[in-house]
């Protein structure tokens, strides 16, 4: 009887695989990155939390772990950075990081993890993309010629949506707000209660298209159902 080969930890995971692997830990999948956060009482506390996690992961964190420290919150992100996607390595690091924390994580707490993208509709993407790269000092996203990212991780991703015909009477730039999949419907309901309008839920649970009272559009996005179909925004 032959043994089955061990799974390759560097294999890119599907969105469903990545989300399922870490959901019980309190991590959520947002835009090809595993994300979570913990509450802290001070910057000193935040630094101690970050030290505990980096100490537990050691050199394995290089090229994967991102940490954002604030006085009341520490956010963690895990992704195979040079490929801009989640692999088995990131899942294993999420387990180790969670074990190193001395407090619960809060993917849907008082200030849930979320991510913002700016979408630019364009007839000729190659003609406009260099302008946005230059004016915002962004670089191409690994593996995606139609998106720009901030190497410092400060500015939101800018991605470009192909238009077939000009739409002069419609806004050509909109926001994509990506939230944890188990918070999306509550976010949509809150936006509608605040005076928004639902323009389309045809692609739910991948995204809902909303507009404010004057027609400015925003999409509330999740990772769900994207493995089964090739959809934008916030793939």
Protein backbone atom coordinates (compact mmCIF):
# COMPACT_ATOMS: atom_id res chain seq x y z
CA UNK A 1 0.00 0.00 0.00
CA UNK A 2 1.48 3.33 -1.05
CA UNK A 3 1.18 6.42 1.07
CA UNK A 4 -0.53 9.49 -0.36
CA UNK A 5 1.89 12.37 -0.94
CA UNK A 6 1.75 15.11 1.65
CA UNK A 7 -0.22 18.17 0.65
CA UNK A 8 1.87 21.00 -0.78
CA UNK A 9 1.70 23.86 1.76
CA UNK A 10 2.57 26.38 -0.94
CA UNK A 11 -0.47 25.52 -3.05
CA UNK A 12 -2.84 28.42 -3.62
CA UNK A 13 -6.08 27.78 -1.75
CA UNK A 14 -9.51 28.46 -3.14
CA UNK A 15 -11.52 31.11 -1.35
CA UNK A 16 -13.74 28.44 0.17
CA UNK A 17 -10.75 26.42 1.38
CA UNK A 18 -9.04 29.44 2.90
CA UNK A 19 -12.13 30.74 4.67
CA UNK A 20 -13.16 27.35 6.01
CA UNK A 21 -9.66 26.64 7.32
CA UNK A 22 -9.56 29.68 9.63
CA UNK A 23 -13.16 30.70 10.33
CA UNK A 24 -13.38 28.82 13.62
CA UNK A 25 -10.19 30.59 14.77
CA UNK A 26 -11.85 33.98 14.31
CA UNK A 27 -10.00 34.94 11.12
CA UNK A 28 -11.82 36.09 7.98
CA UNK A 29 -10.87 36.10 4.30
CA UNK A 30 -10.79 39.57 2.71
CA UNK A 31 -9.37 40.23 -0.77
CA UNK A 32 -7.01 37.28 -0.80
CA UNK A 33 -5.77 37.87 2.75
CA UNK A 34 -6.58 36.25 6.08
CA UNK A 35 -7.48 38.98 8.58
CA UNK A 36 -8.26 39.26 12.26
CA UNK A 37 -7.92 41.77 15.11
CA UNK A 38 -7.60 41.90 18.88
CA UNK A 39 -8.53 44.62 21.35
CA UNK A 40 -5.76 46.22 23.41
CA UNK A 41 -5.62 48.87 26.10
CA UNK A 42 -2.59 50.87 25.00
CA UNK A 43 0.20 51.06 22.46
CA UNK A 44 2.42 49.26 24.97
CA UNK A 45 -0.13 46.47 25.11
CA UNK A 46 -0.34 46.46 21.32
CA UNK A 47 3.43 46.11 21.03
CA UNK A 48 3.38 43.19 23.48
CA UNK A 49 0.70 41.43 21.42
CA UNK A 50 2.69 41.95 18.23
CA UNK A 51 5.86 40.69 19.92
CA UNK A 52 4.09 37.54 21.11
CA UNK A 53 2.89 36.72 17.60
CA UNK A 54 6.14 37.52 15.82
CA UNK A 55 8.03 35.54 18.43
CA UNK A 56 5.81 32.54 17.87
CA UNK A 57 6.12 32.70 14.09
CA UNK A 58 9.79 33.65 13.89
CA UNK A 59 11.30 33.88 10.43
CA UNK A 60 8.32 32.06 8.93
CA UNK A 61 6.38 35.32 9.18
CA UNK A 62 8.61 37.04 6.62
CA UNK A 63 6.78 37.51 3.35
CA UNK A 64 3.44 36.62 4.96
CA UNK A 65 2.53 38.56 8.11
CA UNK A 66 1.28 42.16 8.22
CA UNK A 67 0.57 43.90 11.55
CA UNK A 68 -1.16 47.25 12.14
CA UNK A 69 -0.77 48.55 15.71
CA UNK A 70 -3.13 51.11 17.25
CA UNK A 71 -3.76 52.18 20.83
CA UNK A 72 -6.99 50.19 21.03
CA UNK A 73 -6.57 47.49 18.42
CA UNK A 74 -4.04 45.31 16.61
CA UNK A 75 -4.91 43.99 13.15
CA UNK A 76 -3.16 40.99 11.62
CA UNK A 77 -3.07 39.97 7.97
CA UNK A 78 -1.62 36.81 6.46
CA UNK A 79 -0.98 36.30 2.78
CA UNK A 80 1.75 34.88 0.57
CA UNK A 81 2.80 38.41 -0.39
CA UNK A 82 4.79 37.77 -3.55
CA UNK A 83 1.77 35.98 -5.03
CA UNK A 84 -1.00 38.07 -3.43
CA UNK A 85 -2.97 35.00 -2.38
CA UNK A 86 -3.52 32.57 0.49
CA UNK A 87 -1.64 29.28 0.69
CA UNK A 88 -1.48 26.48 3.23
CA UNK A 89 1.51 28.24 4.77
CA UNK A 90 -0.71 31.21 5.68
CA UNK A 91 -3.32 28.96 7.26
CA UNK A 92 -0.68 27.24 9.38
CA UNK A 93 0.69 30.62 10.46
CA UNK A 94 -2.83 31.75 11.41
CA UNK A 95 -3.14 28.75 13.72
CA UNK A 96 0.23 29.47 15.32
CA UNK A 97 -0.51 33.19 15.70
CA UNK A 98 -3.89 32.52 17.31
CA UNK A 99 -2.32 30.10 19.78
CA UNK A 100 0.21 32.78 20.75
CA UNK A 101 -2.46 35.35 21.64
CA UNK A 102 -3.66 35.65 25.24
CA UNK A 103 -7.03 37.17 24.28
CA UNK A 104 -9.87 36.47 21.85
CA UNK A 105 -9.77 37.69 18.28
CA UNK A 106 -12.65 39.79 16.99
CA UNK A 107 -13.33 39.47 13.24
CA UNK A 108 -16.83 40.88 13.74
CA UNK A 109 -16.46 42.89 16.91
CA UNK A 110 -17.14 46.55 17.59
CA UNK A 111 -14.91 47.56 14.65
CA UNK A 112 -14.91 44.56 12.30
CA UNK A 113 -12.15 43.79 9.84
CA UNK A 114 -12.86 45.23 6.41
CA UNK A 115 -11.05 46.43 3.29
CA UNK A 116 -11.65 49.24 0.82
CA UNK A 117 -10.98 49.27 -2.93
CA UNK A 118 -11.49 52.00 -5.52
CA UNK A 119 -12.87 50.83 -8.86
CA UNK A 120 -12.30 52.87 -12.02
CA UNK A 121 -14.46 52.15 -15.07
CA UNK A 122 -12.45 52.62 -18.26
CA UNK A 123 -12.81 52.06 -21.99
CA UNK A 124 -9.03 51.83 -22.45
CA UNK A 125 -7.50 50.43 -19.26
CA UNK A 126 -3.86 50.48 -20.51
CA UNK A 127 -4.26 54.18 -21.28
CA UNK A 128 -5.48 55.23 -17.83
CA UNK A 129 -3.78 52.74 -15.51
CA UNK A 130 -0.31 54.35 -15.71
CA UNK A 131 -1.78 57.70 -14.67
CA UNK A 132 -3.27 56.25 -11.49
CA UNK A 133 -0.06 54.34 -10.77
CA UNK A 134 1.93 57.57 -11.05
CA UNK A 135 -0.40 59.95 -9.23
CA UNK A 136 -0.93 57.56 -6.30
CA UNK A 137 2.55 55.98 -6.41
CA UNK A 138 1.12 52.47 -6.70
CA UNK A 139 2.53 49.30 -8.29
CA UNK A 140 0.90 46.41 -10.17
CA UNK A 141 -0.65 43.77 -7.96
CA UNK A 142 1.16 40.42 -8.31
CA UNK A 143 -0.72 38.22 -10.74
CA UNK A 144 -3.21 40.92 -11.77
CA UNK A 145 -2.40 43.43 -14.53
CA UNK A 146 -5.68 45.24 -13.89
CA UNK A 147 -5.08 46.29 -10.29
CA UNK A 148 -2.68 48.59 -8.46
CA UNK A 149 -1.57 48.28 -4.84
CA UNK A 150 0.34 50.38 -2.33
CA UNK A 151 3.67 48.68 -1.43
CA UNK A 152 3.39 50.28 2.02
CA UNK A 153 -0.10 48.86 2.52
CA UNK A 154 -1.60 52.26 3.37
CA UNK A 155 -3.73 53.26 0.37
CA UNK A 156 -6.59 51.09 -0.90
CA UNK A 157 -6.21 48.93 -3.98
CA UNK A 158 -7.30 50.58 -7.24
CA UNK A 159 -8.71 48.19 -9.85
CA UNK A 160 -10.00 48.81 -13.34
CA UNK A 161 -13.30 47.58 -14.74
CA UNK A 162 -13.61 47.23 -18.49
CA UNK A 163 -16.38 49.28 -20.09
CA UNK A 164 -17.82 48.44 -23.50
CA UNK A 165 -19.41 51.83 -24.16
CA UNK A 166 -19.08 55.24 -22.56
CA UNK A 167 -21.48 56.08 -19.73
CA UNK A 168 -21.29 59.87 -19.44
CA UNK A 169 -24.34 60.12 -17.17
CA UNK A 170 -23.10 57.61 -14.63
CA UNK A 171 -20.31 57.92 -12.09
CA UNK A 172 -17.16 56.23 -13.40
CA UNK A 173 -15.45 55.65 -10.04
CA UNK A 174 -17.07 53.71 -7.20
CA UNK A 175 -16.03 52.17 -3.90
CA UNK A 176 -15.91 48.47 -3.06
CA UNK A 177 -16.20 47.71 0.65
CA UNK A 178 -15.20 44.12 1.39
CA UNK A 179 -16.45 42.77 4.71
CA UNK A 180 -16.43 39.44 6.50
CA UNK A 181 -18.91 37.13 4.81
CA UNK A 182 -21.00 36.78 7.97
CA UNK A 183 -21.36 40.57 8.28
CA UNK A 184 -22.39 41.46 4.73
CA UNK A 185 -26.17 41.34 5.04
CA UNK A 186 -26.08 43.40 8.22
CA UNK A 187 -23.89 46.00 6.47
CA UNK A 188 -26.29 46.18 3.51
CA UNK A 189 -29.28 46.51 5.83
CA UNK A 190 -27.59 49.32 7.76
CA UNK A 191 -26.80 51.20 4.54
CA UNK A 192 -30.39 50.89 3.33
CA UNK A 193 -31.72 52.04 6.69
CA UNK A 194 -29.44 55.08 6.43
CA UNK A 195 -31.12 56.24 3.21
CA UNK A 196 -29.38 54.10 0.62
CA UNK A 197 -30.97 52.28 -2.30
CA UNK A 198 -30.40 48.73 -3.48
CA UNK A 199 -29.56 48.87 -7.18
CA UNK A 200 -28.87 45.18 -7.63
CA UNK A 201 -28.48 41.98 -5.65
CA UNK A 202 -28.14 39.82 -8.76
CA UNK A 203 -24.59 38.83 -7.78
CA UNK A 204 -25.22 38.35 -4.05
CA UNK A 205 -23.53 36.83 -2.09
CA UNK A 206 -20.48 38.04 -4.02
CA UNK A 207 -21.61 41.67 -3.95
CA UNK A 208 -24.58 43.99 -3.58
CA UNK A 209 -24.71 47.26 -5.52
CA UNK A 210 -26.01 50.19 -3.46
CA UNK A 211 -26.34 53.92 -4.06
CA UNK A 212 -26.82 56.99 -1.92
CA UNK A 213 -29.71 59.39 -2.37
CA UNK A 214 -27.93 61.10 -5.28
CA UNK A 215 -26.96 57.93 -7.11
CA UNK A 216 -23.31 57.57 -6.05
CA UNK A 217 -22.56 53.86 -6.03
CA UNK A 218 -20.81 51.46 -3.67
CA UNK A 219 -20.55 47.68 -3.66
CA UNK A 220 -20.63 45.63 -0.46
CA UNK A 221 -18.49 42.59 -1.26
CA UNK A 222 -17.51 39.21 0.17
CA UNK A 223 -15.46 36.26 -1.05
CA UNK A 224 -18.50 33.99 -1.28
CA UNK A 225 -19.52 32.30 -4.54
CA UNK A 226 -16.43 33.59 -6.35
CA UNK A 227 -14.86 30.16 -6.63
CA UNK A 228 -17.85 29.04 -8.66
CA UNK A 229 -17.93 32.02 -11.03
CA UNK A 230 -15.53 34.67 -12.29
CA UNK A 231 -16.98 37.89 -10.92
CA UNK A 232 -15.87 41.40 -10.08
CA UNK A 233 -15.60 43.60 -8.04
CA UNK A 234 -13.32 42.60 -5.21
CA UNK A 235 -12.28 39.25 -6.58
